PDB file of N, CA and C in Angstrom:
ATOM      1  N   MET A   1      -1.223   0.530  17.195  1.00  0.00           N
ATOM      2  CA  MET A   1      -1.900   0.531  15.910  1.00  0.00           C
ATOM      3  C   MET A   1      -2.390   1.939  15.615  1.00  0.00           C
ATOM      4  N   LEU A   2      -2.343   2.315  14.346  1.00  0.00           N
ATOM      5  CA  LEU A   2      -2.752   3.649  13.944  1.00  0.00           C
ATOM      6  C   LEU A   2      -4.262   3.794  13.949  1.00  0.00           C
ATOM      7  N   ASN A   3      -4.691   5.006  14.248  1.00  0.00           N
ATOM      8  CA  ASN A   3      -6.113   5.315  14.147  1.00  0.00           C
ATOM      9  C   ASN A   3      -6.469   5.470  12.682  1.00  0.00           C
ATOM     10  N   LYS A   4      -7.757   5.535  12.410  1.00  0.00           N
ATOM     11  CA  LYS A   4      -8.231   5.772  11.041  1.00  0.00           C
ATOM     12  C   LYS A   4      -8.016   7.250  10.741  1.00  0.00           C
ATOM     13  N   PHE A   5      -7.105   7.530   9.821  1.00  0.00           N
ATOM     14  CA  PHE A   5      -6.790   8.899   9.447  1.00  0.00           C
ATOM     15  C   PHE A   5      -7.422   9.234   8.107  1.00  0.00           C
ATOM     16  N   SER A   6      -7.470  10.523   7.825  1.00  0.00           N
ATOM     17  CA  SER A   6      -7.888  10.960   6.494  1.00  0.00           C
ATOM     18  C   SER A   6      -6.707  10.777   5.542  1.00  0.00           C
ATOM     19  N   VAL A   7      -6.967  10.876   4.258  1.00  0.00           N
ATOM     20  CA  VAL A   7      -5.911  10.738   3.253  1.00  0.00           C
ATOM     21  C   VAL A   7      -4.820  11.780   3.495  1.00  0.00           C
ATOM     22  N   VAL A   8      -5.210  13.004   3.780  1.00  0.00           N
ATOM     23  CA  VAL A   8      -4.245  14.082   4.010  1.00  0.00           C
ATOM     24  C   VAL A   8      -3.380  13.773   5.230  1.00  0.00           C
ATOM     25  N   GLU A   9      -3.996  13.247   6.290  1.00  0.00           N
ATOM     26  CA  GLU A   9      -3.229  12.907   7.494  1.00  0.00           C
ATOM     27  C   GLU A   9      -2.239  11.777   7.220  1.00  0.00           C
ATOM     28  N   TYR A  10      -2.650  10.789   6.429  1.00  0.00           N
ATOM     29  CA  TYR A  10      -1.720   9.714   6.055  1.00  0.00           C
ATOM     30  C   TYR A  10      -0.574  10.256   5.215  1.00  0.00           C
ATOM     31  N   GLN A  11      -0.867  11.151   4.284  1.00  0.00           N
ATOM     32  CA  GLN A  11       0.182  11.751   3.459  1.00  0.00           C
ATOM     33  C   GLN A  11       1.199  12.472   4.327  1.00  0.00           C
ATOM     34  N   LYS A  12       0.715  13.236   5.312  1.00  0.00           N
ATOM     35  CA  LYS A  12       1.620  13.957   6.215  1.00  0.00           C
ATOM     36  C   LYS A  12       2.446  12.984   7.040  1.00  0.00           C
ATOM     37  N   LEU A  13       1.817  11.934   7.538  1.00  0.00           N
ATOM     38  CA  LEU A  13       2.513  10.934   8.342  1.00  0.00           C
ATOM     39  C   LEU A  13       3.610  10.244   7.531  1.00  0.00           C
ATOM     40  N   ILE A  14       3.289   9.844   6.313  1.00  0.00           N
ATOM     41  CA  ILE A  14       4.279   9.193   5.448  1.00  0.00           C
ATOM     42  C   ILE A  14       5.418  10.161   5.136  1.00  0.00           C
ATOM     43  N   GLY A  15       5.084  11.397   4.816  1.00  0.00           N
ATOM     44  CA  GLY A  15       6.109  12.400   4.523  1.00  0.00           C
ATOM     45  C   GLY A  15       7.032  12.641   5.698  1.00  0.00           C
ATOM     46  N   GLU A  16       6.453  12.754   6.898  1.00  0.00           N
ATOM     47  CA  GLU A  16       7.262  12.968   8.102  1.00  0.00           C
ATOM     48  C   GLU A  16       8.195  11.790   8.351  1.00  0.00           C
ATOM     49  N   ARG A  17       7.690  10.585   8.183  1.00  0.00           N
ATOM     50  CA  ARG A  17       8.505   9.396   8.440  1.00  0.00           C
ATOM     51  C   ARG A  17       9.632   9.254   7.425  1.00  0.00           C
ATOM     52  N   ILE A  18       9.342   9.551   6.168  1.00  0.00           N
ATOM     53  CA  ILE A  18      10.396   9.476   5.151  1.00  0.00           C
ATOM     54  C   ILE A  18      11.457  10.537   5.420  1.00  0.00           C
ATOM     55  N   LYS A  19      11.029  11.730   5.810  1.00  0.00           N
ATOM     56  CA  LYS A  19      12.001  12.782   6.131  1.00  0.00           C
ATOM     57  C   LYS A  19      12.855  12.367   7.322  1.00  0.00           C
ATOM     58  N   GLN A  20      12.227  11.845   8.382  1.00  0.00           N
ATOM     59  CA  GLN A  20      12.982  11.387   9.549  1.00  0.00           C
ATOM     60  C   GLN A  20      14.003  10.333   9.143  1.00  0.00           C
ATOM     61  N   TYR A  21      13.580   9.394   8.334  1.00  0.00           N
ATOM     62  CA  TYR A  21      14.474   8.323   7.901  1.00  0.00           C
ATOM     63  C   TYR A  21      15.628   8.887   7.077  1.00  0.00           C
ATOM     64  N   ARG A  22      15.316   9.795   6.156  1.00  0.00           N
ATOM     65  CA  ARG A  22      16.344  10.398   5.303  1.00  0.00           C
ATOM     66  C   ARG A  22      17.362  11.170   6.134  1.00  0.00           C
ATOM     67  N   VAL A  23      16.885  11.999   7.052  1.00  0.00           N
ATOM     68  CA  VAL A  23      17.768  12.811   7.889  1.00  0.00           C
ATOM     69  C   VAL A  23      18.618  11.916   8.793  1.00  0.00           C
ATOM     70  N   ASN A  24      18.003  10.920   9.424  1.00  0.00           N
ATOM     71  CA  ASN A  24      18.751  10.009  10.300  1.00  0.00           C
ATOM     72  C   ASN A  24      19.793   9.204   9.533  1.00  0.00           C
ATOM     73  N   ALA A  25      19.544   8.964   8.250  1.00  0.00           N
ATOM     74  CA  ALA A  25      20.506   8.237   7.418  1.00  0.00           C
ATOM     75  C   ALA A  25      21.598   9.164   6.885  1.00  0.00           C
ATOM     76  N   GLY A  26      21.463  10.462   7.151  1.00  0.00           N
ATOM     77  CA  GLY A  26      22.464  11.425   6.703  1.00  0.00           C
ATOM     78  C   GLY A  26      22.427  11.690   5.209  1.00  0.00           C
ATOM     79  N   VAL A  27      21.241  11.574   4.619  1.00  0.00           N
ATOM     80  CA  VAL A  27      21.076  11.777   3.177  1.00  0.00           C
ATOM     81  C   VAL A  27      20.396  13.125   2.951  1.00  0.00           C
ATOM     82  N   SER A  28      21.027  13.984   2.149  1.00  0.00           N
ATOM     83  CA  SER A  28      20.411  15.271   1.829  1.00  0.00           C
ATOM     84  C   SER A  28      19.363  15.073   0.735  1.00  0.00           C
ATOM     85  N   GLN A  29      18.503  16.072   0.585  1.00  0.00           N
ATOM     86  CA  GLN A  29      17.516  16.004  -0.489  1.00  0.00           C
ATOM     87  C   GLN A  29      18.214  15.956  -1.848  1.00  0.00           C
ATOM     88  N   LYS A  30      19.325  16.670  -1.981  1.00  0.00           N
ATOM     89  CA  LYS A  30      20.071  16.664  -3.246  1.00  0.00           C
ATOM     90  C   LYS A  30      20.639  15.275  -3.527  1.00  0.00           C
ATOM     91  N   ASP A  31      21.182  14.615  -2.495  1.00  0.00           N
ATOM     92  CA  ASP A  31      21.697  13.253  -2.668  1.00  0.00           C
ATOM     93  C   ASP A  31      20.565  12.292  -3.030  1.00  0.00           C
ATOM     94  N   LEU A  32      19.422  12.478  -2.376  1.00  0.00           N
ATOM     95  CA  LEU A  32      18.269  11.623  -2.660  1.00  0.00           C
ATOM     96  C   LEU A  32      17.781  11.838  -4.088  1.00  0.00           C
ATOM     97  N   GLU A  33      17.838  13.087  -4.546  1.00  0.00           N
ATOM     98  CA  GLU A  33      17.468  13.388  -5.931  1.00  0.00           C
ATOM     99  C   GLU A  33      18.377  12.619  -6.895  1.00  0.00           C
ATOM    100  N   SER A  34      19.675  12.661  -6.637  1.00  0.00           N
ATOM    101  CA  SER A  34      20.640  11.969  -7.511  1.00  0.00           C
ATOM    102  C   SER A  34      20.428  10.466  -7.497  1.00  0.00           C
ATOM    103  N   GLU A  35      20.183   9.926  -6.317  1.00  0.00           N
ATOM    104  CA  GLU A  35      20.045   8.473  -6.174  1.00  0.00           C
ATOM    105  C   GLU A  35      18.718   7.955  -6.741  1.00  0.00           C
ATOM    106  N   SER A  36      17.647   8.730  -6.550  1.00  0.00           N
ATOM    107  CA  SER A  36      16.310   8.252  -6.929  1.00  0.00           C
ATOM    108  C   SER A  36      15.863   8.697  -8.319  1.00  0.00           C
ATOM    109  N   GLY A  37      16.408   9.816  -8.789  1.00  0.00           N
ATOM    110  CA  GLY A  37      15.934  10.364 -10.056  1.00  0.00           C
ATOM    111  C   GLY A  37      14.654  11.165  -9.904  1.00  0.00           C
ATOM    112  N   VAL A  38      14.278  11.458  -8.671  1.00  0.00           N
ATOM    113  CA  VAL A  38      13.079  12.250  -8.374  1.00  0.00           C
ATOM    114  C   VAL A  38      13.536  13.665  -8.031  1.00  0.00           C
ATOM    115  N   SER A  39      12.850  14.666  -8.549  1.00  0.00           N
ATOM    116  CA  SER A  39      13.256  16.056  -8.334  1.00  0.00           C
ATOM    117  C   SER A  39      13.190  16.440  -6.855  1.00  0.00           C
ATOM    118  N   ILE A  40      14.042  17.406  -6.495  1.00  0.00           N
ATOM    119  CA  ILE A  40      14.035  17.916  -5.119  1.00  0.00           C
ATOM    120  C   ILE A  40      12.655  18.463  -4.783  1.00  0.00           C
ATOM    121  N   ARG A  41      12.010  19.090  -5.740  1.00  0.00           N
ATOM    122  CA  ARG A  41      10.664  19.650  -5.513  1.00  0.00           C
ATOM    123  C   ARG A  41       9.691  18.549  -5.099  1.00  0.00           C
ATOM    124  N   SER A  42       9.723  17.412  -5.780  1.00  0.00           N
ATOM    125  CA  SER A  42       8.828  16.300  -5.425  1.00  0.00           C
ATOM    126  C   SER A  42       9.189  15.717  -4.064  1.00  0.00           C
ATOM    127  N   ILE A  43      10.480  15.608  -3.779  1.00  0.00           N
ATOM    128  CA  ILE A  43      10.920  15.104  -2.473  1.00  0.00           C
ATOM    129  C   ILE A  43      10.428  16.035  -1.375  1.00  0.00           C
ATOM    130  N   SER A  44      10.585  17.332  -1.591  1.00  0.00           N
ATOM    131  CA  SER A  44      10.125  18.324  -0.621  1.00  0.00           C
ATOM    132  C   SER A  44       8.610  18.251  -0.439  1.00  0.00           C
ATOM    133  N   ARG A  45       7.885  18.117  -1.543  1.00  0.00           N
ATOM    134  CA  ARG A  45       6.416  18.008  -1.460  1.00  0.00           C
ATOM    135  C   ARG A  45       6.020  16.785  -0.643  1.00  0.00           C
ATOM    136  N   LEU A  46       6.682  15.655  -0.900  1.00  0.00           N
ATOM    137  CA  LEU A  46       6.383  14.432  -0.154  1.00  0.00           C
ATOM    138  C   LEU A  46       6.622  14.646   1.334  1.00  0.00           C
ATOM    139  N   GLU A  47       7.767  15.225   1.675  1.00  0.00           N
ATOM    140  CA  GLU A  47       8.115  15.420   3.082  1.00  0.00           C
ATOM    141  C   GLU A  47       7.187  16.409   3.777  1.00  0.00           C
ATOM    142  N   GLN A  48       6.533  17.273   3.019  1.00  0.00           N
ATOM    143  CA  GLN A  48       5.579  18.228   3.579  1.00  0.00           C
ATOM    144  C   GLN A  48       4.160  17.668   3.619  1.00  0.00           C
ATOM    145  N   GLY A  49       3.988  16.441   3.127  1.00  0.00           N
ATOM    146  CA  GLY A  49       2.682  15.806   3.176  1.00  0.00           C
ATOM    147  C   GLY A  49       1.824  16.036   1.954  1.00  0.00           C
ATOM    148  N   ALA A  50       2.417  16.556   0.893  1.00  0.00           N
ATOM    149  CA  ALA A  50       1.661  16.774  -0.341  1.00  0.00           C
ATOM    150  C   ALA A  50       1.662  15.499  -1.176  1.00  0.00           C
ATOM    151  N   SER A  51       0.791  15.465  -2.142  1.00  0.00           N
ATOM    152  CA  SER A  51       0.649  14.300  -3.008  1.00  0.00           C
ATOM    153  C   SER A  51       1.740  14.289  -4.078  1.00  0.00           C
ATOM    154  N   ILE A  52       2.318  13.102  -4.315  1.00  0.00           N
ATOM    155  CA  ILE A  52       3.258  12.921  -5.416  1.00  0.00           C
ATOM    156  C   ILE A  52       2.857  11.655  -6.165  1.00  0.00           C
ATOM    157  N   GLN A  53       3.479  11.418  -7.305  1.00  0.00           N
ATOM    158  CA  GLN A  53       3.160  10.227  -8.088  1.00  0.00           C
ATOM    159  C   GLN A  53       3.649   8.974  -7.368  1.00  0.00           C
ATOM    160  N   LEU A  54       2.908   7.902  -7.531  1.00  0.00           N
ATOM    161  CA  LEU A  54       3.275   6.624  -6.927  1.00  0.00           C
ATOM    162  C   LEU A  54       4.653   6.173  -7.401  1.00  0.00           C
ATOM    163  N   GLU A  55       4.937   6.350  -8.675  1.00  0.00           N
ATOM    164  CA  GLU A  55       6.246   5.973  -9.222  1.00  0.00           C
ATOM    165  C   GLU A  55       7.373   6.703  -8.492  1.00  0.00           C
ATOM    166  N   SER A  56       7.174   7.985  -8.208  1.00  0.00           N
ATOM    167  CA  SER A  56       8.185   8.769  -7.492  1.00  0.00           C
ATOM    168  C   SER A  56       8.364   8.260  -6.071  1.00  0.00           C
ATOM    169  N   LEU A  57       7.269   7.923  -5.411  1.00  0.00           N
ATOM    170  CA  LEU A  57       7.351   7.385  -4.055  1.00  0.00           C
ATOM    171  C   LEU A  57       8.148   6.088  -4.043  1.00  0.00           C
ATOM    172  N   ILE A  58       7.893   5.216  -4.994  1.00  0.00           N
ATOM    173  CA  ILE A  58       8.604   3.937  -5.053  1.00  0.00           C
ATOM    174  C   ILE A  58      10.091   4.166  -5.312  1.00  0.00           C
ATOM    175  N   LYS A  59      10.426   5.112  -6.177  1.00  0.00           N
ATOM    176  CA  LYS A  59      11.835   5.428  -6.442  1.00  0.00           C
ATOM    177  C   LYS A  59      12.524   5.949  -5.182  1.00  0.00           C
ATOM    178  N   ILE A  60      11.828   6.789  -4.424  1.00  0.00           N
ATOM    179  CA  ILE A  60      12.394   7.331  -3.183  1.00  0.00           C
ATOM    180  C   ILE A  60      12.591   6.215  -2.167  1.00  0.00           C
ATOM    181  N   LEU A  61      11.579   5.360  -2.008  1.00  0.00           N
ATOM    182  CA  LEU A  61      11.708   4.231  -1.079  1.00  0.00           C
ATOM    183  C   LEU A  61      12.876   3.338  -1.472  1.00  0.00           C
ATOM    184  N   SER A  62      13.035   3.103  -2.749  1.00  0.00           N
ATOM    185  CA  SER A  62      14.127   2.265  -3.235  1.00  0.00           C
ATOM    186  C   SER A  62      15.481   2.909  -2.952  1.00  0.00           C
ATOM    187  N   ALA A  63      15.600   4.212  -3.190  1.00  0.00           N
ATOM    188  CA  ALA A  63      16.856   4.922  -2.946  1.00  0.00           C
ATOM    189  C   ALA A  63      17.223   4.915  -1.463  1.00  0.00           C
ATOM    190  N   LEU A  64      16.220   4.872  -0.591  1.00  0.00           N
ATOM    191  CA  LEU A  64      16.460   4.826   0.858  1.00  0.00           C
ATOM    192  C   LEU A  64      16.514   3.390   1.385  1.00  0.00           C
ATOM    193  N   ASN A  65      16.507   2.423   0.473  1.00  0.00           N
ATOM    194  CA  ASN A  65      16.509   0.991   0.831  1.00  0.00           C
ATOM    195  C   ASN A  65      15.309   0.609   1.694  1.00  0.00           C
ATOM    196  N   LEU A  66      14.170   1.209   1.396  1.00  0.00           N
ATOM    197  CA  LEU A  66      12.936   0.927   2.135  1.00  0.00           C
ATOM    198  C   LEU A  66      11.921   0.151   1.303  1.00  0.00           C
ATOM    199  N   GLU A  67      12.263  -0.202   0.068  1.00  0.00           N
ATOM    200  CA  GLU A  67      11.280  -0.859  -0.798  1.00  0.00           C
ATOM    201  C   GLU A  67      10.840  -2.202  -0.240  1.00  0.00           C
ATOM    202  N   GLY A  68      11.674  -2.844   0.568  1.00  0.00           N
ATOM    203  CA  GLY A  68      11.285  -4.112   1.181  1.00  0.00           C
ATOM    204  C   GLY A  68      10.139  -3.961   2.164  1.00  0.00           C
ATOM    205  N   ASN A  69       9.934  -2.744   2.649  1.00  0.00           N
ATOM    206  CA  ASN A  69       8.851  -2.495   3.603  1.00  0.00           C
ATOM    207  C   ASN A  69       7.489  -2.411   2.937  1.00  0.00           C
ATOM    208  N   ILE A  70       7.443  -2.455   1.622  1.00  0.00           N
ATOM    209  CA  ILE A  70       6.158  -2.447   0.924  1.00  0.00           C
ATOM    210  C   ILE A  70       5.358  -3.686   1.321  1.00  0.00           C
ATOM    211  N   ASP A  71       6.055  -4.796   1.604  1.00  0.00           N
ATOM    212  CA  ASP A  71       5.364  -6.007   2.062  1.00  0.00           C
ATOM    213  C   ASP A  71       4.642  -5.786   3.386  1.00  0.00           C
ATOM    214  N   LEU A  72       5.144  -4.869   4.198  1.00  0.00           N
ATOM    215  CA  LEU A  72       4.458  -4.553   5.452  1.00  0.00           C
ATOM    216  C   LEU A  72       3.180  -3.769   5.190  1.00  0.00           C
ATOM    217  N   LEU A  73       3.213  -2.948   4.162  1.00  0.00           N
ATOM    218  CA  LEU A  73       2.045  -2.143   3.808  1.00  0.00           C
ATOM    219  C   LEU A  73       0.966  -2.991   3.154  1.00  0.00           C
ATOM    220  N   ILE A  74       1.372  -3.825   2.218  1.00  0.00           N
ATOM    221  CA  ILE A  74       0.436  -4.690   1.496  1.00  0.00           C
ATOM    222  C   ILE A  74       1.015  -6.099   1.502  1.00  0.00           C
ATOM    223  N   PRO A  75       0.660  -6.905   2.493  1.00  0.00           N
ATOM    224  CA  PRO A  75       1.242  -8.247   2.608  1.00  0.00           C
ATOM    225  C   PRO A  75       0.876  -9.144   1.424  1.00  0.00           C
ATOM    226  N   ASP A  76       1.796 -10.029   1.079  1.00  0.00           N
ATOM    227  CA  ASP A  76       1.585 -11.013   0.022  1.00  0.00           C
ATOM    228  C   ASP A  76       0.615 -12.070   0.543  1.00  0.00           C
ATOM    229  N   GLN A  77      -0.551 -12.166  -0.067  1.00  0.00           N
ATOM    230  CA  GLN A  77      -1.590 -13.082   0.404  1.00  0.00           C
ATOM    231  C   GLN A  77      -1.184 -14.544   0.260  1.00  0.00           C
ATOM    232  N   THR A  78      -0.253 -14.840  -0.652  1.00  0.00           N
ATOM    233  CA  THR A  78       0.167 -16.230  -0.834  1.00  0.00           C
ATOM    234  C   THR A  78       1.066 -16.709   0.295  1.00  0.00           C
ATOM    235  N   LYS A  79       1.506 -15.803   1.152  1.00  0.00           N
ATOM    236  CA  LYS A  79       2.365 -16.190   2.273  1.00  0.00           C
ATOM    237  C   LYS A  79       1.573 -16.412   3.558  1.00  0.00           C
ATOM    238  N   ARG A  80       0.268 -16.295   3.479  1.00  0.00           N
ATOM    239  CA  ARG A  80      -0.583 -16.538   4.643  1.00  0.00           C
ATOM    240  C   ARG A  80      -0.877 -18.027   4.740  1.00  0.00           C
ATOM    241  N   PRO A  81      -0.830 -18.603   5.935  1.00  0.00           N
ATOM    242  CA  PRO A  81      -1.133 -20.033   6.067  1.00  0.00           C
ATOM    243  C   PRO A  81      -2.510 -20.400   5.525  1.00  0.00           C
ATOM    244  N   SER A  82      -3.494 -19.533   5.696  1.00  0.00           N
ATOM    245  CA  SER A  82      -4.845 -19.839   5.223  1.00  0.00           C
ATOM    246  C   SER A  82      -4.904 -19.940   3.701  1.00  0.00           C
ATOM    247  N   PHE A  83      -3.962 -19.324   3.011  1.00  0.00           N
ATOM    248  CA  PHE A  83      -3.936 -19.399   1.552  1.00  0.00           C
ATOM    249  C   PHE A  83      -3.755 -20.843   1.097  1.00  0.00           C
ATOM    250  N   TYR A  84      -2.944 -21.600   1.822  1.00  0.00           N
ATOM    251  CA  TYR A  84      -2.643 -22.974   1.435  1.00  0.00           C
ATOM    252  C   TYR A  84      -3.737 -23.957   1.844  1.00  0.00           C
ATOM    253  N   LEU A  85      -4.677 -23.524   2.647  1.00  0.00           N
ATOM    254  CA  LEU A  85      -5.778 -24.390   3.056  1.00  0.00           C
ATOM    255  C   LEU A  85      -6.856 -24.484   1.990  1.00  0.00           C
ATOM    256  N   ASN A  86      -6.905 -23.530   1.102  1.00  0.00           N
ATOM    257  CA  ASN A  86      -7.910 -23.545   0.035  1.00  0.00           C
ATOM    258  C   ASN A  86      -7.603 -24.657  -0.954  1.00  0.00           C
ATOM    259  N   ASP A  87      -8.644 -25.297  -1.459  1.00  0.00           N
ATOM    260  CA  ASP A  87      -8.481 -26.384  -2.421  1.00  0.00           C
ATOM    261  C   ASP A  87      -8.320 -25.878  -3.850  1.00  0.00           C
ATOM    262  N   LYS A  88      -8.401 -24.608  -4.044  1.00  0.00           N
ATOM    263  CA  LYS A  88      -8.361 -24.049  -5.391  1.00  0.00           C
ATOM    264  C   LYS A  88      -6.947 -24.134  -5.951  1.00  0.00           C
ATOM    265  N   ASP A  89      -6.866 -24.403  -7.250  1.00  0.00           N
ATOM    266  CA  ASP A  89      -5.566 -24.496  -7.909  1.00  0.00           C
ATOM    267  C   ASP A  89      -4.947 -23.120  -8.155  1.00  0.00           C
ATOM    268  N   LYS A  90      -5.786 -22.146  -8.469  1.00  0.00           N
ATOM    269  CA  LYS A  90      -5.281 -20.829  -8.826  1.00  0.00           C
ATOM    270  C   LYS A  90      -5.801 -19.790  -7.839  1.00  0.00           C
ATOM    271  N   PRO A  91      -5.007 -18.743  -7.585  1.00  0.00           N
ATOM    272  CA  PRO A  91      -5.512 -17.655  -6.744  1.00  0.00           C
ATOM    273  C   PRO A  91      -6.625 -16.897  -7.464  1.00  0.00           C
ATOM    274  N   LYS A  92      -7.458 -16.217  -6.695  1.00  0.00           N
ATOM    275  CA  LYS A  92      -8.554 -15.445  -7.273  1.00  0.00           C
ATOM    276  C   LYS A  92      -8.013 -14.369  -8.200  1.00  0.00           C
ATOM    277  N   GLN A  93      -8.701 -14.174  -9.299  1.00  0.00           N
ATOM    278  CA  GLN A  93      -8.345 -13.133 -10.253  1.00  0.00           C
ATOM    279  C   GLN A  93      -9.325 -11.961 -10.206  1.00  0.00           C
ATOM    280  N   ARG A  94     -10.542 -12.230  -9.742  1.00  0.00           N
ATOM    281  CA  ARG A  94     -11.550 -11.175  -9.677  1.00  0.00           C
ATOM    282  C   ARG A  94     -12.557 -11.509  -8.585  1.00  0.00           C
ATOM    283  N   VAL A  95     -13.393 -10.544  -8.276  1.00  0.00           N
ATOM    284  CA  VAL A  95     -14.422 -10.711  -7.252  1.00  0.00           C
ATOM    285  C   VAL A  95     -15.776 -10.714  -7.931  1.00  0.00           C
ATOM    286  N   ARG A  96     -16.595 -11.658  -7.569  1.00  0.00           N
ATOM    287  CA  ARG A  96     -17.955 -11.714  -8.105  1.00  0.00           C
ATOM    288  C   ARG A  96     -18.927 -11.334  -7.008  1.00  0.00           C
ATOM    289  N   LYS A  97     -19.943 -10.577  -7.404  1.00  0.00           N
ATOM    290  CA  LYS A  97     -20.981 -10.217  -6.448  1.00  0.00           C
ATOM    291  C   LYS A  97     -21.844 -11.435  -6.176  1.00  0.00           C
ATOM    292  N   LYS A  98     -22.231 -11.586  -4.930  1.00  0.00           N
ATOM    293  CA  LYS A  98     -23.125 -12.686  -4.581  1.00  0.00           C
ATOM    294  C   LYS A  98     -24.530 -12.329  -5.033  1.00  0.00           C
ATOM    295  N   GLU A  99     -25.190 -13.299  -5.636  1.00  0.00           N
ATOM    296  CA  GLU A  99     -26.557 -13.071  -6.082  1.00  0.00           C
ATOM    297  C   GLU A  99     -27.479 -13.113  -4.877  1.00  0.00           C
ATOM    298  N   GLU A 100     -28.372 -12.147  -4.833  1.00  0.00           N
ATOM    299  CA  GLU A 100     -29.308 -12.101  -3.725  1.00  0.00           C
ATOM    300  C   GLU A 100     -30.431 -13.094  -3.955  1.00  0.00           C
ATOM    301  N   SER A 101     -30.833 -13.758  -2.909  1.00  0.00           N
ATOM    302  CA  SER A 101     -31.908 -14.732  -2.983  1.00  0.00           C
ATOM    303  C   SER A 101     -33.241 -14.018  -3.151  1.00  0.00           C
ATOM    304  N   THR A 102     -34.078 -14.577  -4.017  1.00  0.00           N
ATOM    305  CA  THR A 102     -35.408 -13.986  -4.203  1.00  0.00           C
ATOM    306  C   THR A 102     -36.350 -14.440  -3.105  1.00  0.00           C
ATOM    307  N   GLY A 103     -35.960 -15.476  -2.371  1.00  0.00           N
ATOM    308  CA  GLY A 103     -36.772 -15.957  -1.256  1.00  0.00           C
ATOM    309  C   GLY A 103     -37.964 -16.784  -1.684  1.00  0.00           C
ATOM    310  N   THR A 104     -38.034 -17.202  -2.952  1.00  0.00           N
ATOM    311  CA  THR A 104     -39.195 -17.950  -3.432  1.00  0.00           C
ATOM    312  C   THR A 104     -38.919 -19.444  -3.565  1.00  0.00           C
ATOM    313  N   PHE A 105     -37.739 -19.902  -3.223  1.00  0.00           N
ATOM    314  CA  PHE A 105     -37.399 -21.317  -3.351  1.00  0.00           C
ATOM    315  C   PHE A 105     -38.190 -22.160  -2.352  1.00  0.00           C
ATOM    316  N   LYS A 106     -38.721 -23.300  -2.843  1.00  0.00           N
ATOM    317  CA  LYS A 106     -39.422 -24.250  -1.975  1.00  0.00           C
ATOM    318  C   LYS A 106     -38.917 -25.637  -2.307  1.00  0.00           C
ATOM    319  N   TRP A 107     -38.923 -26.518  -1.342  1.00  0.00           N
ATOM    320  CA  TRP A 107     -38.423 -27.873  -1.512  1.00  0.00           C
ATOM    321  C   TRP A 107     -39.363 -28.749  -2.342  1.00  0.00           C
ATOM    322  N   GLY A 108     -40.554 -28.375  -2.523  1.00  0.00           N
ATOM    323  CA  GLY A 108     -41.493 -29.162  -3.308  1.00  0.00           C
ATOM    324  C   GLY A 108     -42.616 -29.730  -2.462  1.00  0.00           C
ATOM    325  N   ASP A 109     -42.353 -29.973  -1.201  1.00  0.00           N
ATOM    326  CA  ASP A 109     -43.392 -30.514  -0.329  1.00  0.00           C
ATOM    327  C   ASP A 109     -44.011 -29.413   0.528  1.00  0.00           C
ATOM    328  N   GLU A 110     -43.652 -28.183   0.228  1.00  0.00           N
ATOM    329  CA  GLU A 110     -44.193 -27.054   0.979  1.00  0.00           C
ATOM    330  C   GLU A 110     -45.301 -26.394   0.166  1.00  0.00           C
ATOM    331  N   GLU A 111     -46.255 -25.843   0.846  1.00  0.00           N
ATOM    332  CA  GLU A 111     -47.318 -25.129   0.138  1.00  0.00           C
ATOM    333  C   GLU A 111     -47.360 -23.701   0.538  1.00  0.00           C
TER     334      GLU A 111
END
């Protein structure tokens, strides 16, 4: 399991892994540019650990046939067994803050 990294460290790790995958697949940056529609400059920036647009990252993953791995990054909550144990008809749409108790509630027979 990975340690807790900074954003920059994660960017470098992702860039290194995508570069390794691209090179091992025998795909040049120019070929990846043609297949993904993402500029060589953006591909190079990604591989060096720099920030790129999310849309560009998804296009690159798709061109390398890695888009299916997005489920590993962010699993579909509806595929968890515990999801089906809930009695709710619809999945949650938003999060509500829990109201803090004022601590003044009494049952009526307390003084």
